[in-house]
């Protein structure tokens, strides 16, 4: 019996949310990071202090855009990035 392999191609490319600079309102940014990630207050503060840091990984584009907007609303600099496509599709 021959093995068959299939590659599933999704229209939705996963995105990452990257906090590049927490700005001056660090505690407000920490609260937003906590709300977005579900991490504890302490872990959210550590993550914000390690900027640039990936806050969310592999989320849909709409969720990434909403998270970036929430971070920017409290004075942080953040961006969404498309995750790279897997290399096994290249020949």
Foldseek 3Di string as FASTA:
>chain_A
DDDDDDDDDDPWFFKWKWFAAQADLLLQLLVLLCVLQVDDSVVSSVQNVPPRHTSDTRHTPVSNVVSQVSSVVSPTHMDMDGDDDDPVVPD
